[in-house]
C-alpha atoms as a PDB file:
ATOM      1  CA  MET A   1      81.383 103.181  91.183  1.00  0.00           C
ATOM      2  CA  ALA A   2      78.672 104.538  88.912  1.00  0.00           C
ATOM      3  CA  GLU A   3      75.608 102.797  87.464  1.00  0.00           C
ATOM      4  CA  VAL A   4      74.827 103.552  83.832  1.00  0.00           C
ATOM      5  CA  PRO A   5      71.652 102.183  82.163  1.00  0.00           C
ATOM      6  CA  VAL A   6      72.358 100.894  78.649  1.00  0.00           C
ATOM      7  CA  ASN A   7      69.487  99.433  76.626  1.00  0.00           C
ATOM      8  CA  ALA A   8      67.607  98.646  79.848  1.00  0.00           C
ATOM      9  CA  GLU A   9      70.657  96.794  81.170  1.00  0.00           C
ATOM     10  CA  LYS A  10      72.226  98.049  84.366  1.00  0.00           C
ATOM     11  CA  VAL A  11      75.928  98.620  83.783  1.00  0.00           C
ATOM     12  CA  ILE A  12      78.324  99.287  86.647  1.00  0.00           C
ATOM     13  CA  GLU A  13      81.343 101.418  85.798  1.00  0.00           C
ATOM     14  CA  ALA A  14      84.394 101.594  88.054  1.00  0.00           C
ATOM     15  CA  ALA A  15      87.969 102.839  88.064  1.00  0.00           C
ATOM     16  CA  VAL A  16      90.662 100.165  87.895  1.00  0.00           C
ATOM     17  CA  LYS A  17      94.342  99.689  87.244  1.00  0.00           C
ATOM     18  CA  VAL A  18      95.418  97.139  84.659  1.00  0.00           C
ATOM     19  CA  GLU A  19      98.852  95.823  83.817  1.00  0.00           C
ATOM     20  CA  LYS A  20     100.186  96.808  80.402  1.00  0.00           C
ATOM     21  CA  ASP A  21     103.714  95.954  79.216  1.00  0.00           C
ATOM     22  CA  GLY A  22     104.874  95.356  82.787  1.00  0.00           C
ATOM     23  CA  ALA A  23     103.492  98.676  84.160  1.00  0.00           C
ATOM     24  CA  TRP A  24     100.212  99.590  85.824  1.00  0.00           C
ATOM     25  CA  VAL A  25      97.960 102.041  83.969  1.00  0.00           C
ATOM     26  CA  VAL A  26      94.685 103.646  85.024  1.00  0.00           C
ATOM     27  CA  GLY A  27      91.494 102.791  83.181  1.00  0.00           C
ATOM     28  CA  LYS A  28      87.853 101.910  83.684  1.00  0.00           C
ATOM     29  CA  VAL A  29      85.781  98.751  83.565  1.00  0.00           C
ATOM     30  CA  GLU A  30      82.122  98.402  82.636  1.00  0.00           C
ATOM     31  CA  ILE A  31      80.607  95.410  84.414  1.00  0.00           C
ATOM     32  CA  THR A  32      77.626  94.161  82.428  1.00  0.00           C
ATOM     33  CA  GLN A  33      75.480  91.046  82.671  1.00  0.00           C
ATOM     34  CA  ASP A  34      77.570  89.004  80.244  1.00  0.00           C
ATOM     35  CA  ALA A  35      80.984  90.642  79.931  1.00  0.00           C
ATOM     36  CA  LEU A  36      83.647  92.992  81.264  1.00  0.00           C
ATOM     37  CA  HIS A  37      84.560  95.968  79.064  1.00  0.00           C
ATOM     38  CA  PHE A  38      87.887  97.614  79.878  1.00  0.00           C
ATOM     39  CA  THR A  39      88.605 101.089  78.471  1.00  0.00           C
ATOM     40  CA  GLY A  40      91.661 103.325  78.703  1.00  0.00           C
ATOM     41  CA  PRO A  41      95.281 102.630  77.711  1.00  0.00           C
ATOM     42  CA  LEU A  42      94.557  98.883  77.689  1.00  0.00           C
ATOM     43  CA  GLN A  43      91.244  98.007  76.078  1.00  0.00           C
ATOM     44  CA  ALA A  44      89.654  94.578  76.242  1.00  0.00           C
ATOM     45  CA  ASP A  45      86.258  92.926  76.118  1.00  0.00           C
ATOM     46  CA  ILE A  46      86.118  89.726  78.195  1.00  0.00           C
ATOM     47  CA  ARG A  47      83.003  87.585  78.141  1.00  0.00           C
ATOM     48  CA  TYR A  48      82.413  85.665  81.361  1.00  0.00           C
ATOM     49  CA  LYS A  49      81.946  82.404  79.463  1.00  0.00           C
ATOM     50  CA  ALA A  50      85.487  82.766  78.052  1.00  0.00           C
ATOM     51  CA  ILE A  51      87.033  83.005  81.531  1.00  0.00           C
ATOM     52  CA  VAL A  52      88.602  79.705  82.626  1.00  0.00           C
ATOM     53  CA  ASP A  53      90.451  80.744  85.777  1.00  0.00           C
ATOM     54  CA  LEU A  54      90.507  83.362  88.519  1.00  0.00           C
ATOM     55  CA  GLU A  55      93.203  83.913  91.132  1.00  0.00           C
ATOM     56  CA  GLU A  56      93.398  86.538  93.848  1.00  0.00           C
ATOM     57  CA  LYS A  57      96.677  88.017  95.031  1.00  0.00           C
ATOM     58  CA  ARG A  58      95.442  91.049  96.926  1.00  0.00           C
ATOM     59  CA  PRO A  59      94.855  93.661  95.699  1.00  0.00           C
ATOM     60  CA  VAL A  60      95.192  92.065  92.253  1.00  0.00           C
ATOM     61  CA  LEU A  61      92.910  89.691  90.353  1.00  0.00           C
ATOM     62  CA  LEU A  62      94.416  87.438  87.703  1.00  0.00           C
ATOM     63  CA  ILE A  63      91.729  86.705  85.105  1.00  0.00           C
ATOM     64  CA  THR A  64      92.575  83.947  82.621  1.00  0.00           C
ATOM     65  CA  TYR A  65      90.398  83.804  79.511  1.00  0.00           C
ATOM     66  CA  LYS A  66      90.403  82.053  76.164  1.00  0.00           C
ATOM     67  CA  ALA A  67      91.322  84.202  73.154  1.00  0.00           C
ATOM     68  CA  GLY A  68      92.786  81.507  70.955  1.00  0.00           C
ATOM     69  CA  ALA A  69      95.419  80.788  73.600  1.00  0.00           C
ATOM     70  CA  ASP A  70      95.027  81.535  77.305  1.00  0.00           C
ATOM     71  CA  VAL A  71      95.453  85.218  78.178  1.00  0.00           C
ATOM     72  CA  ILE A  72      96.095  86.429  81.732  1.00  0.00           C
ATOM     73  CA  PHE A  73      94.600  89.845  82.503  1.00  0.00           C
ATOM     74  CA  ARG A  74      95.727  91.546  85.732  1.00  0.00           C
ATOM     75  CA  VAL A  75      93.372  93.992  87.434  1.00  0.00           C
ATOM     76  CA  ALA A  76      93.752  96.025  90.638  1.00  0.00           C
ATOM     77  CA  SER A  77      91.142  98.174  92.368  1.00  0.00           C
ATOM     78  CA  VAL A  78      89.478  98.933  95.692  1.00  0.00           C
ATOM     79  CA  ASP A  79      87.995  96.024  97.627  1.00  0.00           C
ATOM     80  CA  LYS A  80      84.380  96.856  96.748  1.00  0.00           C
ATOM     81  CA  VAL A  81      85.103  96.668  93.022  1.00  0.00           C
ATOM     82  CA  LEU A  82      87.127  93.462  93.356  1.00  0.00           C
ATOM     83  CA  GLN A  83      84.298  91.844  95.328  1.00  0.00           C
ATOM     84  CA  LEU A  84      81.846  92.619  92.537  1.00  0.00           C
ATOM     85  CA  LEU A  85      84.217  91.414  89.822  1.00  0.00           C
ATOM     86  CA  LYS A  86      84.818  88.141  91.666  1.00  0.00           C
ATOM     87  CA  ALA A  87      81.107  87.515  92.229  1.00  0.00           C
ATOM     88  CA  ARG A  88      80.207  88.113  88.571  1.00  0.00           C
ATOM     89  CA  ILE A  89      83.079  86.010  87.258  1.00  0.00           C
ATOM     90  CA  ILE A  90      82.648  83.069  89.637  1.00  0.00           C
ATOM     91  CA  MET A  91      78.918  82.793  88.966  1.00  0.00           C
ATOM     92  CA  GLN A  92      79.175  82.988  85.163  1.00  0.00           C
ATOM     93  CA  CYS A  93      82.633  81.795  84.092  1.00  0.00           C
ATOM     94  CA  SER A  94      83.476  78.457  82.478  1.00  0.00           C
ATOM     95  CA  ALA A  95      83.713  76.203  85.537  1.00  0.00           C
ATOM     96  CA  TYR A  96      82.118  73.292  87.370  1.00  0.00           C
ATOM     97  CA  ARG A  97      79.623  75.040  89.638  1.00  0.00           C
ATOM     98  CA  LEU A  98      76.673  74.164  91.837  1.00  0.00           C
ATOM     99  CA  MET A  99      74.510  75.826  94.438  1.00  0.00           C
ATOM    100  CA  ALA A 100      75.333  74.672  97.952  1.00  0.00           C
ATOM    101  CA  TYR A 101      75.778  75.596 101.578  1.00  0.00           C
ATOM    102  CA  PHE A 102      79.346  76.013 102.754  1.00  0.00           C
ATOM    103  CA  MET A 103      81.207  76.731 105.969  1.00  0.00           C
ATOM    104  CA  SER A 104      84.652  78.153 105.273  1.00  0.00           C
ATOM    105  CA  PRO A 105      86.787  78.332 107.259  1.00  0.00           C
ATOM    106  CA  ALA A 106      85.212  75.980 109.797  1.00  0.00           C
ATOM    107  CA  VAL A 107      88.318  74.694 111.587  1.00  0.00           C
ATOM    108  CA  ARG A 108      91.772  76.250 111.763  1.00  0.00           C
ATOM    109  CA  GLY A 109      94.727  74.400 113.260  1.00  0.00           C
ATOM    110  CA  GLY A 110      92.386  71.828 114.818  1.00  0.00           C
ATOM    111  CA  VAL A 111      90.275  74.479 116.585  1.00  0.00           C
ATOM    112  CA  MET A 112      86.725  75.481 115.608  1.00  0.00           C
ATOM    113  CA  VAL A 113      86.592  78.965 114.117  1.00  0.00           C
ATOM    114  CA  THR A 114      84.593  81.374 116.286  1.00  0.00           C
ATOM    115  CA  ASN A 115      81.188  82.224 114.792  1.00  0.00           C
ATOM    116  CA  ALA A 116      81.641  79.780 111.889  1.00  0.00           C
ATOM    117  CA  ALA A 117      78.257  79.438 110.171  1.00  0.00           C
ATOM    118  CA  TRP A 118      76.698  77.890 107.087  1.00  0.00           C
ATOM    119  CA  GLU A 119      76.500  80.245 104.117  1.00  0.00           C
ATOM    120  CA  LYS A 120      74.029  79.807 101.276  1.00  0.00           C
ATOM    121  CA  GLY A 121      75.743  80.279  97.952  1.00  0.00           C
ATOM    122  CA  ALA A 122      77.739  78.380  95.357  1.00  0.00           C
ATOM    123  CA  ILE A 123      80.915  76.392  94.970  1.00  0.00           C
ATOM    124  CA  ALA A 124      82.911  76.722  91.746  1.00  0.00           C
ATOM    125  CA  VAL A 125      85.956  74.692  90.744  1.00  0.00           C
ATOM    126  CA  LEU A 126      88.339  76.495  88.388  1.00  0.00           C
ATOM    127  CA  LYS A 127      91.766  75.567  87.024  1.00  0.00           C
ATOM    128  CA  SER A 128      93.726  76.842  90.008  1.00  0.00           C
ATOM    129  CA  GLY A 129      91.284  76.916  92.872  1.00  0.00           C
ATOM    130  CA  ILE A 130      88.009  76.140  94.597  1.00  0.00           C
ATOM    131  CA  TRP A 131      85.819  79.200  95.159  1.00  0.00           C
ATOM    132  CA  PHE A 132      83.032  79.599  97.696  1.00  0.00           C
ATOM    133  CA  VAL A 133      80.755  82.571  97.090  1.00  0.00           C
ATOM    134  CA  SER A 134      77.662  83.865  98.876  1.00  0.00           C
ATOM    135  CA  GLN A 135      75.967  87.231  99.013  1.00  0.00           C
ATOM    136  CA  ASN A 136      78.428  88.484 101.639  1.00  0.00           C
ATOM    137  CA  LYS A 137      81.458  86.224 101.352  1.00  0.00           C
ATOM    138  CA  GLN A 138      84.034  84.982  98.862  1.00  0.00           C
ATOM    139  CA  VAL A 139      86.641  82.399  99.798  1.00  0.00           C
ATOM    140  CA  SER A 140      89.331  80.938  97.550  1.00  0.00           C
ATOM    141  CA  VAL A 141      91.148  77.658  98.218  1.00  0.00           C
ATOM    142  CA  PRO A 142      94.092  77.149  95.825  1.00  0.00           C
ATOM    143  CA  LEU A 143      94.117  73.571  94.524  1.00  0.00           C
ATOM    144  CA  LYS A 144      97.860  73.325  95.162  1.00  0.00           C
ATOM    145  CA  GLU A 145      97.204  73.950  98.871  1.00  0.00           C
ATOM    146  CA  VAL A 146      94.550  71.209  99.255  1.00  0.00           C
ATOM    147  CA  THR A 147      95.702  68.470 101.636  1.00  0.00           C
ATOM    148  CA  GLY A 148      92.604  66.278 101.715  1.00  0.00           C
ATOM    149  CA  ILE A 149      89.068  65.807 100.373  1.00  0.00           C
ATOM    150  CA  GLU A 150      86.605  63.303 101.823  1.00  0.00           C
ATOM    151  CA  LEU A 151      82.972  62.519 102.462  1.00  0.00           C
ATOM    152  CA  THR A 152      82.166  62.704 106.166  1.00  0.00           C
ATOM    153  CA  LYS A 153      79.391  63.364 108.666  1.00  0.00           C
ATOM    154  CA  ARG A 154      78.546  66.706 110.247  1.00  0.00           C
ATOM    155  CA  GLU A 155      75.816  67.700 112.678  1.00  0.00           C
ATOM    156  CA  VAL A 156      73.412  70.154 111.066  1.00  0.00           C
ATOM    157  CA  GLN A 157      70.322  71.198 113.036  1.00  0.00           C
ATOM    158  CA  THR A 158      70.782  68.268 115.453  1.00  0.00           C
ATOM    159  CA  LYS A 159      71.009  65.727 112.599  1.00  0.00           C
ATOM    160  CA  GLN A 160      74.075  63.920 111.256  1.00  0.00           C
ATOM    161  CA  VAL A 161      74.267  64.593 107.515  1.00  0.00           C
ATOM    162  CA  ASP A 162      76.763  63.838 104.751  1.00  0.00           C
ATOM    163  CA  VAL A 163      79.081  66.715 103.814  1.00  0.00           C
ATOM    164  CA  VAL A 164      82.232  67.123 101.750  1.00  0.00           C
ATOM    165  CA  LYS A 165      85.229  68.037 103.895  1.00  0.00           C
ATOM    166  CA  ILE A 166      88.066  69.997 102.273  1.00  0.00           C
ATOM    167  CA  ASP A 167      91.357  70.424 104.147  1.00  0.00           C
ATOM    168  CA  HIS A 168      93.918  72.883 102.874  1.00  0.00           C
ATOM    169  CA  ARG A 169      97.031  74.685 104.016  1.00  0.00           C
ATOM    170  CA  GLU A 170      96.877  78.375 104.854  1.00  0.00           C
ATOM    171  CA  GLY A 171     100.286  79.619 105.941  1.00  0.00           C
ATOM    172  CA  THR A 172     101.428  77.164 108.593  1.00  0.00           C
ATOM    173  CA  ASP A 173      97.878  76.114 109.556  1.00  0.00           C
ATOM    174  CA  VAL A 174      95.666  73.382 108.167  1.00  0.00           C
ATOM    175  CA  VAL A 175      92.195  74.822 107.552  1.00  0.00           C
ATOM    176  CA  THR A 176      88.985  72.827 107.061  1.00  0.00           C
ATOM    177  CA  SER A 177      85.926  73.806 105.029  1.00  0.00           C
ATOM    178  CA  PHE A 178      82.621  71.933 104.648  1.00  0.00           C
ATOM    179  CA  VAL A 179      80.190  71.786 101.733  1.00  0.00           C
ATOM    180  CA  LEU A 180      76.557  70.709 102.087  1.00  0.00           C
ATOM    181  CA  CYS A 181      74.355  70.040  99.073  1.00  0.00           C
ATOM    182  CA  PRO A 182      71.635  67.561  98.020  1.00  0.00           C
ATOM    183  CA  VAL A 183      72.658  63.929  98.393  1.00  0.00           C
ATOM    184  CA  SER A 184      72.075  63.385  94.676  1.00  0.00           C
ATOM    185  CA  THR A 185      74.928  65.759  93.791  1.00  0.00           C
ATOM    186  CA  LEU A 186      77.184  65.266  96.798  1.00  0.00           C
ATOM    187  CA  GLN A 187      79.037  62.262  95.345  1.00  0.00           C
ATOM    188  CA  VAL A 188      79.336  64.008  91.968  1.00  0.00           C
ATOM    189  CA  LEU A 189      80.939  66.999  93.704  1.00  0.00           C
ATOM    190  CA  LEU A 190      83.289  64.733  95.656  1.00  0.00           C
ATOM    191  CA  ASN A 191      84.392  62.919  92.486  1.00  0.00           C
ATOM    192  CA  PHE A 192      84.939  66.185  90.622  1.00  0.00           C
ATOM    193  CA  LEU A 193      87.010  67.665  93.455  1.00  0.00           C
ATOM    194  CA  LYS A 194      89.117  64.517  93.694  1.00  0.00           C
ATOM    195  CA  ASP A 195      89.700  64.585  89.951  1.00  0.00           C
ATOM    196  CA  ALA A 196      90.710  68.256  90.129  1.00  0.00           C
ATOM    197  CA  THR A 197      93.299  67.429  92.808  1.00  0.00           C
ATOM    198  CA  LYS A 198      94.448  64.043  91.461  1.00  0.00           C
ATOM    199  CA  ASP A 199      98.009  65.370  90.979  1.00  0.00           C
ATOM    200  CA  LEU A 200      98.300  65.441  94.786  1.00  0.00           C
ATOM    201  CA  GLU A 201      97.500  61.738  95.205  1.00  0.00           C
ATOM    202  CA  MET A 202     100.161  59.090  95.881  1.00  0.00           C
ATOM    203  CA  LYS A 203     100.169  55.301  95.695  1.00  0.00           C
ATOM    204  CA  GLY A 204     101.528  54.940  99.237  1.00  0.00           C
ATOM    205  CA  ASP A 205     104.673  52.979  98.414  1.00  0.00           C
ATOM    206  CA  GLU A 206     106.868  55.872  97.286  1.00  0.00           C
ATOM    207  CA  LEU A 207     108.723  56.205 100.605  1.00  0.00           C
ATOM    208  CA  ASP A 208     110.861  53.866 102.659  1.00  0.00           C
ATOM    209  CA  PRO A 209     110.080  53.711 106.415  1.00  0.00           C
ATOM    210  CA  GLN A 210     112.823  56.173 107.435  1.00  0.00           C
ATOM    211  CA  SER A 211     111.776  58.768 104.836  1.00  0.00           C
ATOM    212  CA  ALA A 212     108.160  58.420 105.958  1.00  0.00           C
ATOM    213  CA  GLN A 213     109.291  58.935 109.558  1.00  0.00           C
ATOM    214  CA  VAL A 214     111.139  62.112 108.565  1.00  0.00           C
ATOM    215  CA  GLY A 215     107.964  63.327 106.867  1.00  0.00           C
ATOM    216  CA  MET A 216     105.990  62.753 110.066  1.00  0.00           C
ATOM    217  CA  LEU A 217     108.554  64.661 112.133  1.00  0.00           C
ATOM    218  CA  ILE A 218     108.439  67.580 109.697  1.00  0.00           C
ATOM    219  CA  TYR A 219     104.642  67.559 110.027  1.00  0.00           C
ATOM    220  CA  SER A 220     104.991  67.675 113.820  1.00  0.00           C
ATOM    221  CA  GLY A 221     107.027  70.889 113.516  1.00  0.00           C
ATOM    222  CA  MET A 222     110.575  69.642 114.101  1.00  0.00           C
ATOM    223  CA  ASP A 223     113.488  71.428 112.446  1.00  0.00           C
ATOM    224  CA  SER A 224     116.433  69.669 110.768  1.00  0.00           C
ATOM    225  CA  HIS A 225     118.654  69.685 113.850  1.00  0.00           C
ATOM    226  CA  ALA A 226     115.924  68.139 116.022  1.00  0.00           C
ATOM    227  CA  ILE A 227     115.214  65.451 113.402  1.00  0.00           C
ATOM    228  CA  GLU A 228     118.910  64.529 113.222  1.00  0.00           C
ATOM    229  CA  ASN A 229     119.019  64.108 117.003  1.00  0.00           C
ATOM    230  CA  MET A 230     115.709  62.227 117.166  1.00  0.00           C
ATOM    231  CA  LEU A 231     116.678  59.682 114.492  1.00  0.00           C
ATOM    232  CA  ASN A 232     120.409  59.736 115.278  1.00  0.00           C
ATOM    233  CA  ILE A 233     121.368  60.282 111.647  1.00  0.00           C
ATOM    234  CA  PRO A 234     124.107  62.526 110.182  1.00  0.00           C
ATOM    235  CA  HIS A 235     123.280  65.730 108.357  1.00  0.00           C
ATOM    236  CA  LYS A 236     124.222  64.323 104.926  1.00  0.00           C
ATOM    237  CA  ASP A 237     121.787  61.406 105.343  1.00  0.00           C
ATOM    238  CA  LEU A 238     118.974  63.782 106.241  1.00  0.00           C
ATOM    239  CA  GLU A 239     119.826  65.909 103.188  1.00  0.00           C
ATOM    240  CA  ALA A 240     119.535  62.790 101.000  1.00  0.00           C
ATOM    241  CA  ILE A 241     116.067  62.107 102.432  1.00  0.00           C
ATOM    242  CA  TYR A 242     115.103  65.732 101.847  1.00  0.00           C
ATOM    243  CA  ASP A 243     116.173  65.371  98.197  1.00  0.00           C
ATOM    244  CA  LYS A 244     113.902  62.353  97.874  1.00  0.00           C
ATOM    245  CA  LEU A 245     110.940  64.203  99.434  1.00  0.00           C
ATOM    246  CA  LEU A 246     111.601  67.224  97.206  1.00  0.00           C
ATOM    247  CA  LYS A 247     111.694  65.077  94.072  1.00  0.00           C
ATOM    248  CA  ILE A 248     108.199  63.695  94.640  1.00  0.00           C
ATOM    249  CA  GLY A 249     106.804  67.050  95.761  1.00  0.00           C
ATOM    250  CA  LEU A 250     106.183  66.330  99.439  1.00  0.00           C
ATOM    251  CA  ILE A 251     108.245  69.235 100.804  1.00  0.00           C
ATOM    252  CA  GLU A 252     109.486  72.646  99.701  1.00  0.00           C
ATOM    253  CA  VAL A 253     112.664  74.506 100.627  1.00  0.00           C
ATOM    254  CA  MET A 254     112.087  77.326 103.103  1.00  0.00           C
ATOM    255  CA  PHE A 255     115.717  78.415 103.411  1.00  0.00           C
ATOM    256  CA  VAL A 256     119.167  76.949 102.849  1.00  0.00           C
ATOM    257  CA  ARG A 257     121.423  76.475 105.871  1.00  0.00           C
ATOM    258  CA  ARG A 258     125.047  77.364 105.169  1.00  0.00           C
ATOM    259  CA  GLU A 259     127.924  75.209 106.337  1.00  0.00           C
ATOM    260  CA  VAL A 260     131.142  77.289 106.435  1.00  0.00           C
ATOM    261  CA  GLN A 261     134.742  77.134 107.585  1.00  0.00           C
ATOM    262  CA  LEU A 262     137.337  79.842 108.198  1.00  0.00           C
ATOM    263  CA  THR A 263     139.766  80.836 105.476  1.00  0.00           C
ATOM    264  CA  PRO A 264     143.441  81.293 106.395  1.00  0.00           C
ATOM    265  CA  LYS A 265     142.691  85.009 106.629  1.00  0.00           C
ATOM    266  CA  GLY A 266     139.811  84.246 108.977  1.00  0.00           C
ATOM    267  CA  VAL A 267     141.923  81.960 111.147  1.00  0.00           C
ATOM    268  CA  ARG A 268     144.601  84.649 111.463  1.00  0.00           C
ATOM    269  CA  PHE A 269     142.036  87.315 112.361  1.00  0.00           C
ATOM    270  CA  ILE A 270     140.343  85.171 115.033  1.00  0.00           C
ATOM    271  CA  THR A 271     143.601  84.012 116.633  1.00  0.00           C
ATOM    272  CA  GLU A 272     144.828  87.596 116.801  1.00  0.00           C
ATOM    273  CA  ALA A 273     141.513  88.826 118.179  1.00  0.00           C
ATOM    274  CA  VAL A 274     141.480  86.367 121.100  1.00  0.00           C
ATOM    275  CA  LYS A 275     145.033  87.067 122.245  1.00  0.00           C
ATOM    276  CA  PRO A 276     145.282  88.808 125.637  1.00  0.00           C
ATOM    277  CA  PRO A 277     146.315  92.499 125.469  1.00  0.00           C
ATOM    278  CA  GLY A 278     150.076  92.997 125.202  1.00  0.00           C
ATOM    279  CA  GLN A 279     150.810  89.706 123.455  1.00  0.00           C
END
């Protein structure tokens, strides 16, 4: 990266790849105080205030900005450049944002994360995710992966204080993050986060007892065969329950199990193959 002074403003210039017509092309980006200026085969000027969303799919950033309609701009580069882009965007884009202390991740799979510590920085809530950013750290929690948000107590410097607890799925683990900010804004943050994830809420009466039991067994890690044996139900009944859980968005299909039978050709081959030699 190179620093170029322009009208007393420090501009950082870096090499990037951007997606153009389904292919990646090499260009450059100038990172200024109020905008990103992309030059090369694909040219664009993106003001931070026009950016409404940011997603990270390493090593690619998906920048969504308003230009009449929403436009998604895909950028790839080395980690140092991506870190700077994320920091500038998160701190200046169009989002709900406040200064806070955060600990993320704090707990993974029910176990405290080694060396977890409070970071001084900001929390920003965008269209697709919650971002935590400090001088040395950037953490993204996709809203679709959030499993719970609540106000709880946490010991900080030997005192029990109110914090916002955010649980989310990361792979097969449930990960917990904490946010600490002034009491005057804590409830506002909680309400905003709950509103941002309201699509995940349920009334509580959507499932019959057996379907709820299947959901609990899935959560405990049981596979389909084990659930059938535990509840003593046939495969087709379990499939019907799965369809119900799929319809209301409580589960997702990982893979489809095939049920097969031999064709006449297969039967003939197998019967011939198992005959003793000479017969």
